[in-house]
Amino acid sequence: MPQLNLNNIEPELHVQLCEIAKEEGRSVEELVQTILRNAIAAKQEPHLATRLANRFSMIGLNGDEQIEEMKGQEVRSPSFDQ
């Protein structure tokens, strides 16, 4: 399996990684692999909000407009009767 060696890690960063790994009950190596996987996944797939904004931009919603939440409104099932 390939290896990745990191040199010159800031001491505080190393301490923080060790603490988080210990809290989560795993090794620093496992923690770093998870962090790297998540960083790569975040670059590859846009977040839901970005995908929604892109979809609505096609129909004229621009970055300054907000989509209002529907808090407190009754949820109704769609009717497919004609």
PDB file of N, CA and C in Angstrom:
ATOM      1  N   MET A   1       0.850  -1.179   0.000  1.00  0.00           N
ATOM      2  CA  MET A   1       0.000   0.000   0.000  1.00  0.00           C
ATOM      3  C   MET A   1       0.891   1.237   0.000  1.00  0.00           C
ATOM      4  N   PRO A   2       0.530   2.246  -0.793  1.00  0.00           N
ATOM      5  CA  PRO A   2       1.332   3.477  -0.846  1.00  0.00           C
ATOM      6  C   PRO A   2       1.375   4.177   0.504  1.00  0.00           C
ATOM      7  N   GLN A   3       2.442   4.922   0.704  1.00  0.00           N
ATOM      8  CA  GLN A   3       2.605   5.688   1.940  1.00  0.00           C
ATOM      9  C   GLN A   3       2.730   7.162   1.603  1.00  0.00           C
ATOM     10  N   LEU A   4       2.321   7.971   2.541  1.00  0.00           N
ATOM     11  CA  LEU A   4       2.450   9.411   2.422  1.00  0.00           C
ATOM     12  C   LEU A   4       3.085   9.910   3.713  1.00  0.00           C
ATOM     13  N   ASN A   5       4.228  10.515   3.602  1.00  0.00           N
ATOM     14  CA  ASN A   5       4.918  11.057   4.775  1.00  0.00           C
ATOM     15  C   ASN A   5       4.766  12.573   4.773  1.00  0.00           C
ATOM     16  N   LEU A   6       4.329  13.107   5.901  1.00  0.00           N
ATOM     17  CA  LEU A   6       4.187  14.551   6.033  1.00  0.00           C
ATOM     18  C   LEU A   6       5.288  15.076   6.934  1.00  0.00           C
ATOM     19  N   ASN A   7       6.035  16.020   6.427  1.00  0.00           N
ATOM     20  CA  ASN A   7       7.126  16.617   7.197  1.00  0.00           C
ATOM     21  C   ASN A   7       6.745  18.030   7.617  1.00  0.00           C
ATOM     22  N   ASN A   8       7.383  18.474   8.658  1.00  0.00           N
ATOM     23  CA  ASN A   8       7.220  19.856   9.128  1.00  0.00           C
ATOM     24  C   ASN A   8       5.784  20.194   9.499  1.00  0.00           C
ATOM     25  N   ILE A   9       5.080  19.261  10.123  1.00  0.00           N
ATOM     26  CA  ILE A   9       3.730  19.527  10.602  1.00  0.00           C
ATOM     27  C   ILE A   9       3.825  20.445  11.816  1.00  0.00           C
ATOM     28  N   GLU A  10       2.979  21.442  11.848  1.00  0.00           N
ATOM     29  CA  GLU A  10       2.979  22.353  12.992  1.00  0.00           C
ATOM     30  C   GLU A  10       2.672  21.549  14.251  1.00  0.00           C
ATOM     31  N   PRO A  11       3.415  21.785  15.329  1.00  0.00           N
ATOM     32  CA  PRO A  11       3.208  21.011  16.562  1.00  0.00           C
ATOM     33  C   PRO A  11       1.772  21.062  17.077  1.00  0.00           C
ATOM     34  N   GLU A  12       1.144  22.226  17.022  1.00  0.00           N
ATOM     35  CA  GLU A  12      -0.229  22.358  17.509  1.00  0.00           C
ATOM     36  C   GLU A  12      -1.189  21.548  16.653  1.00  0.00           C
ATOM     37  N   LEU A  13      -0.967  21.528  15.345  1.00  0.00           N
ATOM     38  CA  LEU A  13      -1.802  20.730  14.446  1.00  0.00           C
ATOM     39  C   LEU A  13      -1.669  19.244  14.773  1.00  0.00           C
ATOM     40  N   HIS A  14      -0.458  18.808  15.034  1.00  0.00           N
ATOM     41  CA  HIS A  14      -0.236  17.405  15.385  1.00  0.00           C
ATOM     42  C   HIS A  14      -0.940  17.048  16.691  1.00  0.00           C
ATOM     43  N   VAL A  15      -0.864  17.919  17.658  1.00  0.00           N
ATOM     44  CA  VAL A  15      -1.539  17.692  18.937  1.00  0.00           C
ATOM     45  C   VAL A  15      -3.039  17.601  18.734  1.00  0.00           C
ATOM     46  N   GLN A  16      -3.588  18.510  17.944  1.00  0.00           N
ATOM     47  CA  GLN A  16      -5.032  18.508  17.682  1.00  0.00           C
ATOM     48  C   GLN A  16      -5.462  17.236  16.970  1.00  0.00           C
ATOM     49  N   LEU A  17      -4.695  16.793  15.985  1.00  0.00           N
ATOM     50  CA  LEU A  17      -5.020  15.552  15.286  1.00  0.00           C
ATOM     51  C   LEU A  17      -5.010  14.366  16.243  1.00  0.00           C
ATOM     52  N   CYS A  18      -4.001  14.320  17.109  1.00  0.00           N
ATOM     53  CA  CYS A  18      -3.913  13.229  18.088  1.00  0.00           C
ATOM     54  C   CYS A  18      -5.106  13.248  19.042  1.00  0.00           C
ATOM     55  N   GLU A  19      -5.500  14.428  19.488  1.00  0.00           N
ATOM     56  CA  GLU A  19      -6.641  14.538  20.410  1.00  0.00           C
ATOM     57  C   GLU A  19      -7.937  14.096  19.745  1.00  0.00           C
ATOM     58  N   ILE A  20      -8.160  14.540  18.524  1.00  0.00           N
ATOM     59  CA  ILE A  20      -9.390  14.159  17.813  1.00  0.00           C
ATOM     60  C   ILE A  20      -9.418  12.654  17.573  1.00  0.00           C
ATOM     61  N   ALA A  21      -8.306  12.103  17.151  1.00  0.00           N
ATOM     62  CA  ALA A  21      -8.237  10.659  16.897  1.00  0.00           C
ATOM     63  C   ALA A  21      -8.531   9.879  18.174  1.00  0.00           C
ATOM     64  N   LYS A  22      -7.966  10.328  19.275  1.00  0.00           N
ATOM     65  CA  LYS A  22      -8.199   9.647  20.544  1.00  0.00           C
ATOM     66  C   LYS A  22      -9.671   9.729  20.945  1.00  0.00           C
ATOM     67  N   GLU A  23     -10.281  10.910  20.786  1.00  0.00           N
ATOM     68  CA  GLU A  23     -11.705  11.086  21.117  1.00  0.00           C
ATOM     69  C   GLU A  23     -12.591  10.163  20.277  1.00  0.00           C
ATOM     70  N   GLU A  24     -12.198   9.962  19.023  1.00  0.00           N
ATOM     71  CA  GLU A  24     -12.994   9.144  18.111  1.00  0.00           C
ATOM     72  C   GLU A  24     -12.604   7.663  18.154  1.00  0.00           C
ATOM     73  N   GLY A  25     -11.620   7.327  18.965  1.00  0.00           N
ATOM     74  CA  GLY A  25     -11.223   5.940  19.128  1.00  0.00           C
ATOM     75  C   GLY A  25     -10.572   5.330  17.897  1.00  0.00           C
ATOM     76  N   ARG A  26      -9.781   6.119  17.206  1.00  0.00           N
ATOM     77  CA  ARG A  26      -9.073   5.591  16.041  1.00  0.00           C
ATOM     78  C   ARG A  26      -7.684   6.195  15.958  1.00  0.00           C
ATOM     79  N   SER A  27      -6.903   5.692  15.036  1.00  0.00           N
ATOM     80  CA  SER A  27      -5.522   6.158  14.905  1.00  0.00           C
ATOM     81  C   SER A  27      -5.483   7.488  14.152  1.00  0.00           C
ATOM     82  N   VAL A  28      -4.371   8.166  14.293  1.00  0.00           N
ATOM     83  CA  VAL A  28      -4.167   9.425  13.571  1.00  0.00           C
ATOM     84  C   VAL A  28      -4.194   9.147  12.068  1.00  0.00           C
ATOM     85  N   GLU A  29      -3.615   8.027  11.667  1.00  0.00           N
ATOM     86  CA  GLU A  29      -3.594   7.667  10.243  1.00  0.00           C
ATOM     87  C   GLU A  29      -5.023   7.531   9.693  1.00  0.00           C
ATOM     88  N   GLU A  30      -5.895   6.858  10.447  1.00  0.00           N
ATOM     89  CA  GLU A  30      -7.286   6.715  10.013  1.00  0.00           C
ATOM     90  C   GLU A  30      -7.978   8.069   9.919  1.00  0.00           C
ATOM     91  N   LEU A  31      -7.730   8.917  10.909  1.00  0.00           N
ATOM     92  CA  LEU A  31      -8.326  10.252  10.921  1.00  0.00           C
ATOM     93  C   LEU A  31      -7.876  11.059   9.712  1.00  0.00           C
ATOM     94  N   VAL A  32      -6.591  11.050   9.435  1.00  0.00           N
ATOM     95  CA  VAL A  32      -6.056  11.817   8.309  1.00  0.00           C
ATOM     96  C   VAL A  32      -6.601  11.280   6.988  1.00  0.00           C
ATOM     97  N   GLN A  33      -6.717   9.966   6.862  1.00  0.00           N
ATOM     98  CA  GLN A  33      -7.288   9.389   5.639  1.00  0.00           C
ATOM     99  C   GLN A  33      -8.736   9.858   5.451  1.00  0.00           C
ATOM    100  N   THR A  34      -9.498   9.883   6.537  1.00  0.00           N
ATOM    101  CA  THR A  34     -10.892  10.350   6.455  1.00  0.00           C
ATOM    102  C   THR A  34     -10.950  11.806   6.055  1.00  0.00           C
ATOM    103  N   ILE A  35     -10.090  12.623   6.630  1.00  0.00           N
ATOM    104  CA  ILE A  35     -10.042  14.050   6.294  1.00  0.00           C
ATOM    105  C   ILE A  35      -9.714  14.226   4.811  1.00  0.00           C
ATOM    106  N   LEU A  36      -8.742  13.470   4.319  1.00  0.00           N
ATOM    107  CA  LEU A  36      -8.360  13.574   2.912  1.00  0.00           C
ATOM    108  C   LEU A  36      -9.477  13.102   1.988  1.00  0.00           C
ATOM    109  N   ARG A  37     -10.126  11.986   2.350  1.00  0.00           N
ATOM    110  CA  ARG A  37     -11.249  11.486   1.543  1.00  0.00           C
ATOM    111  C   ARG A  37     -12.365  12.529   1.468  1.00  0.00           C
ATOM    112  N   ASN A  38     -12.702  13.122   2.610  1.00  0.00           N
ATOM    113  CA  ASN A  38     -13.766  14.130   2.645  1.00  0.00           C
ATOM    114  C   ASN A  38     -13.394  15.362   1.834  1.00  0.00           C
ATOM    115  N   ALA A  39     -12.144  15.763   1.885  1.00  0.00           N
ATOM    116  CA  ALA A  39     -11.701  16.934   1.119  1.00  0.00           C
ATOM    117  C   ALA A  39     -11.801  16.663  -0.379  1.00  0.00           C
ATOM    118  N   ILE A  40     -11.423  15.469  -0.794  1.00  0.00           N
ATOM    119  CA  ILE A  40     -11.504  15.116  -2.218  1.00  0.00           C
ATOM    120  C   ILE A  40     -12.957  15.008  -2.657  1.00  0.00           C
ATOM    121  N   ALA A  41     -13.791  14.384  -1.843  1.00  0.00           N
ATOM    122  CA  ALA A  41     -15.210  14.251  -2.180  1.00  0.00           C
ATOM    123  C   ALA A  41     -15.868  15.616  -2.298  1.00  0.00           C
ATOM    124  N   ALA A  42     -15.497  16.542  -1.426  1.00  0.00           N
ATOM    125  CA  ALA A  42     -16.077  17.883  -1.465  1.00  0.00           C
ATOM    126  C   ALA A  42     -15.710  18.608  -2.758  1.00  0.00           C
ATOM    127  N   LYS A  43     -14.537  18.342  -3.277  1.00  0.00           N
ATOM    128  CA  LYS A  43     -14.102  18.971  -4.525  1.00  0.00           C
ATOM    129  C   LYS A  43     -14.797  18.351  -5.734  1.00  0.00           C
ATOM    130  N   GLN A  44     -15.137  17.068  -5.636  1.00  0.00           N
ATOM    131  CA  GLN A  44     -15.688  16.360  -6.782  1.00  0.00           C
ATOM    132  C   GLN A  44     -17.185  16.562  -6.948  1.00  0.00           C
ATOM    133  N   GLU A  45     -17.911  16.673  -5.877  1.00  0.00           N
ATOM    134  CA  GLU A  45     -19.360  16.775  -5.969  1.00  0.00           C
ATOM    135  C   GLU A  45     -19.825  18.057  -5.298  1.00  0.00           C
ATOM    136  N   PRO A  46     -20.481  18.929  -6.062  1.00  0.00           N
ATOM    137  CA  PRO A  46     -20.971  20.165  -5.446  1.00  0.00           C
ATOM    138  C   PRO A  46     -22.003  19.864  -4.349  1.00  0.00           C
ATOM    139  N   HIS A  47     -22.026  20.698  -3.350  1.00  0.00           N
ATOM    140  CA  HIS A  47     -23.007  20.544  -2.278  1.00  0.00           C
ATOM    141  C   HIS A  47     -24.413  20.729  -2.819  1.00  0.00           C
ATOM    142  N   LEU A  48     -25.374  20.225  -2.089  1.00  0.00           N
ATOM    143  CA  LEU A  48     -26.773  20.317  -2.492  1.00  0.00           C
ATOM    144  C   LEU A  48     -27.182  21.762  -2.760  1.00  0.00           C
ATOM    145  N   ALA A  49     -26.775  22.681  -1.893  1.00  0.00           N
ATOM    146  CA  ALA A  49     -27.153  24.089  -2.073  1.00  0.00           C
ATOM    147  C   ALA A  49     -26.600  24.640  -3.382  1.00  0.00           C
ATOM    148  N   THR A  50     -25.403  24.253  -3.740  1.00  0.00           N
ATOM    149  CA  THR A  50     -24.805  24.700  -4.999  1.00  0.00           C
ATOM    150  C   THR A  50     -25.563  24.121  -6.184  1.00  0.00           C
ATOM    151  N   ARG A  51     -25.908  22.850  -6.093  1.00  0.00           N
ATOM    152  CA  ARG A  51     -26.655  22.221  -7.188  1.00  0.00           C
ATOM    153  C   ARG A  51     -28.031  22.876  -7.354  1.00  0.00           C
ATOM    154  N   LEU A  52     -28.697  23.178  -6.233  1.00  0.00           N
ATOM    155  CA  LEU A  52     -30.003  23.844  -6.308  1.00  0.00           C
ATOM    156  C   LEU A  52     -29.875  25.248  -6.900  1.00  0.00           C
ATOM    157  N   ALA A  53     -28.869  25.980  -6.454  1.00  0.00           N
ATOM    158  CA  ALA A  53     -28.666  27.333  -6.977  1.00  0.00           C
ATOM    159  C   ALA A  53     -28.395  27.286  -8.471  1.00  0.00           C
ATOM    160  N   ASN A  54     -27.603  26.320  -8.915  1.00  0.00           N
ATOM    161  CA  ASN A  54     -27.332  26.186 -10.347  1.00  0.00           C
ATOM    162  C   ASN A  54     -28.606  25.855 -11.118  1.00  0.00           C
ATOM    163  N   ARG A  55     -29.415  24.974 -10.564  1.00  0.00           N
ATOM    164  CA  ARG A  55     -30.652  24.602 -11.245  1.00  0.00           C
ATOM    165  C   ARG A  55     -31.596  25.802 -11.364  1.00  0.00           C
ATOM    166  N   PHE A  56     -31.766  26.560 -10.289  1.00  0.00           N
ATOM    167  CA  PHE A  56     -32.689  27.689 -10.321  1.00  0.00           C
ATOM    168  C   PHE A  56     -32.132  28.872 -11.100  1.00  0.00           C
ATOM    169  N   SER A  57     -30.828  28.946 -11.292  1.00  0.00           N
ATOM    170  CA  SER A  57     -30.260  30.049 -12.073  1.00  0.00           C
ATOM    171  C   SER A  57     -30.722  29.979 -13.521  1.00  0.00           C
ATOM    172  N   MET A  58     -31.072  28.794 -13.986  1.00  0.00           N
ATOM    173  CA  MET A  58     -31.548  28.622 -15.362  1.00  0.00           C
ATOM    174  C   MET A  58     -32.917  29.270 -15.579  1.00  0.00           C
ATOM    175  N   ILE A  59     -33.682  29.464 -14.497  1.00  0.00           N
ATOM    176  CA  ILE A  59     -35.021  30.046 -14.647  1.00  0.00           C
ATOM    177  C   ILE A  59     -35.089  31.470 -14.101  1.00  0.00           C
ATOM    178  N   GLY A  60     -33.923  32.064 -13.906  1.00  0.00           N
ATOM    179  CA  GLY A  60     -33.908  33.472 -13.564  1.00  0.00           C
ATOM    180  C   GLY A  60     -33.629  33.806 -12.109  1.00  0.00           C
ATOM    181  N   LEU A  61     -33.410  32.823 -11.250  1.00  0.00           N
ATOM    182  CA  LEU A  61     -33.079  33.116  -9.862  1.00  0.00           C
ATOM    183  C   LEU A  61     -31.594  33.455  -9.809  1.00  0.00           C
ATOM    184  N   ASN A  62     -31.284  34.651  -9.321  1.00  0.00           N
ATOM    185  CA  ASN A  62     -29.872  35.015  -9.263  1.00  0.00           C
ATOM    186  C   ASN A  62     -29.347  34.894  -7.840  1.00  0.00           C
ATOM    187  N   GLY A  63     -28.084  35.127  -7.659  1.00  0.00           N
ATOM    188  CA  GLY A  63     -27.433  34.936  -6.371  1.00  0.00           C
ATOM    189  C   GLY A  63     -27.943  35.830  -5.252  1.00  0.00           C
ATOM    190  N   ASP A  64     -28.586  36.959  -5.605  1.00  0.00           N
ATOM    191  CA  ASP A  64     -29.074  37.876  -4.580  1.00  0.00           C
ATOM    192  C   ASP A  64     -30.433  37.473  -4.029  1.00  0.00           C
ATOM    193  N   GLU A  65     -31.182  36.668  -4.770  1.00  0.00           N
ATOM    194  CA  GLU A  65     -32.522  36.282  -4.354  1.00  0.00           C
ATOM    195  C   GLU A  65     -32.464  35.112  -3.373  1.00  0.00           C
ATOM    196  N   GLN A  66     -33.442  35.069  -2.508  1.00  0.00           N
ATOM    197  CA  GLN A  66     -33.547  34.006  -1.523  1.00  0.00           C
ATOM    198  C   GLN A  66     -34.761  33.142  -1.824  1.00  0.00           C
ATOM    199  N   ILE A  67     -34.649  31.863  -1.557  1.00  0.00           N
ATOM    200  CA  ILE A  67     -35.799  30.980  -1.647  1.00  0.00           C
ATOM    201  C   ILE A  67     -36.388  30.927  -0.248  1.00  0.00           C
ATOM    202  N   GLU A  68     -37.627  31.386  -0.110  1.00  0.00           N
ATOM    203  CA  GLU A  68     -38.239  31.458   1.210  1.00  0.00           C
ATOM    204  C   GLU A  68     -38.573  30.067   1.732  1.00  0.00           C
ATOM    205  N   GLU A  69     -38.393  29.906   3.033  1.00  0.00           N
ATOM    206  CA  GLU A  69     -38.764  28.652   3.670  1.00  0.00           C
ATOM    207  C   GLU A  69     -40.273  28.618   3.845  1.00  0.00           C
ATOM    208  N   MET A  70     -40.805  27.427   3.938  1.00  0.00           N
ATOM    209  CA  MET A  70     -42.253  27.262   4.071  1.00  0.00           C
ATOM    210  C   MET A  70     -42.596  26.794   5.484  1.00  0.00           C
ATOM    211  N   LYS A  71     -42.017  27.416   6.469  1.00  0.00           N
ATOM    212  CA  LYS A  71     -42.266  27.036   7.851  1.00  0.00           C
ATOM    213  C   LYS A  71     -43.715  27.306   8.227  1.00  0.00           C
ATOM    214  N   GLY A  72     -44.299  26.372   8.953  1.00  0.00           N
ATOM    215  CA  GLY A  72     -45.634  26.549   9.466  1.00  0.00           C
ATOM    216  C   GLY A  72     -46.744  26.309   8.458  1.00  0.00           C
ATOM    217  N   GLN A  73     -46.410  25.965   7.241  1.00  0.00           N
ATOM    218  CA  GLN A  73     -47.438  25.716   6.243  1.00  0.00           C
ATOM    219  C   GLN A  73     -47.810  24.238   6.238  1.00  0.00           C
ATOM    220  N   GLU A  74     -49.049  23.978   5.937  1.00  0.00           N
ATOM    221  CA  GLU A  74     -49.545  22.612   5.906  1.00  0.00           C
ATOM    222  C   GLU A  74     -48.938  21.867   4.716  1.00  0.00           C
ATOM    223  N   VAL A  75     -48.503  20.639   4.980  1.00  0.00           N
ATOM    224  CA  VAL A  75     -47.971  19.801   3.921  1.00  0.00           C
ATOM    225  C   VAL A  75     -49.130  19.098   3.252  1.00  0.00           C
ATOM    226  N   ARG A  76     -49.242  19.243   1.938  1.00  0.00           N
ATOM    227  CA  ARG A  76     -50.333  18.606   1.199  1.00  0.00           C
ATOM    228  C   ARG A  76     -49.755  17.651   0.170  1.00  0.00           C
ATOM    229  N   SER A  77     -50.382  16.499   0.028  1.00  0.00           N
ATOM    230  CA  SER A  77     -49.983  15.544  -0.994  1.00  0.00           C
ATOM    231  C   SER A  77     -50.459  16.029  -2.354  1.00  0.00           C
ATOM    232  N   PRO A  78     -49.669  15.781  -3.397  1.00  0.00           N
ATOM    233  CA  PRO A  78     -50.124  16.197  -4.720  1.00  0.00           C
ATOM    234  C   PRO A  78     -51.299  15.345  -5.183  1.00  0.00           C
ATOM    235  N   SER A  79     -52.136  15.936  -5.986  1.00  0.00           N
ATOM    236  CA  SER A  79     -53.275  15.224  -6.555  1.00  0.00           C
ATOM    237  C   SER A  79     -52.965  14.934  -8.014  1.00  0.00           C
ATOM    238  N   PHE A  80     -53.090  13.680  -8.405  1.00  0.00           N
ATOM    239  CA  PHE A  80     -52.795  13.297  -9.770  1.00  0.00           C
ATOM    240  C   PHE A  80     -54.075  13.063 -10.571  1.00  0.00           C
ATOM    241  N   ASP A  81     -55.220  13.382  -9.977  1.00  0.00           N
ATOM    242  CA  ASP A  81     -56.490  13.252 -10.680  1.00  0.00           C
ATOM    243  C   ASP A  81     -56.614  14.356 -11.723  1.00  0.00           C
ATOM    244  N   GLN A  82     -57.253  14.021 -12.821  1.00  0.00           N
ATOM    245  CA  GLN A  82     -57.408  15.038 -13.860  1.00  0.00           C
ATOM    246  C   GLN A  82     -58.808  15.544 -13.951  1.00  0.00           C
TER     247      GLN A  82
END
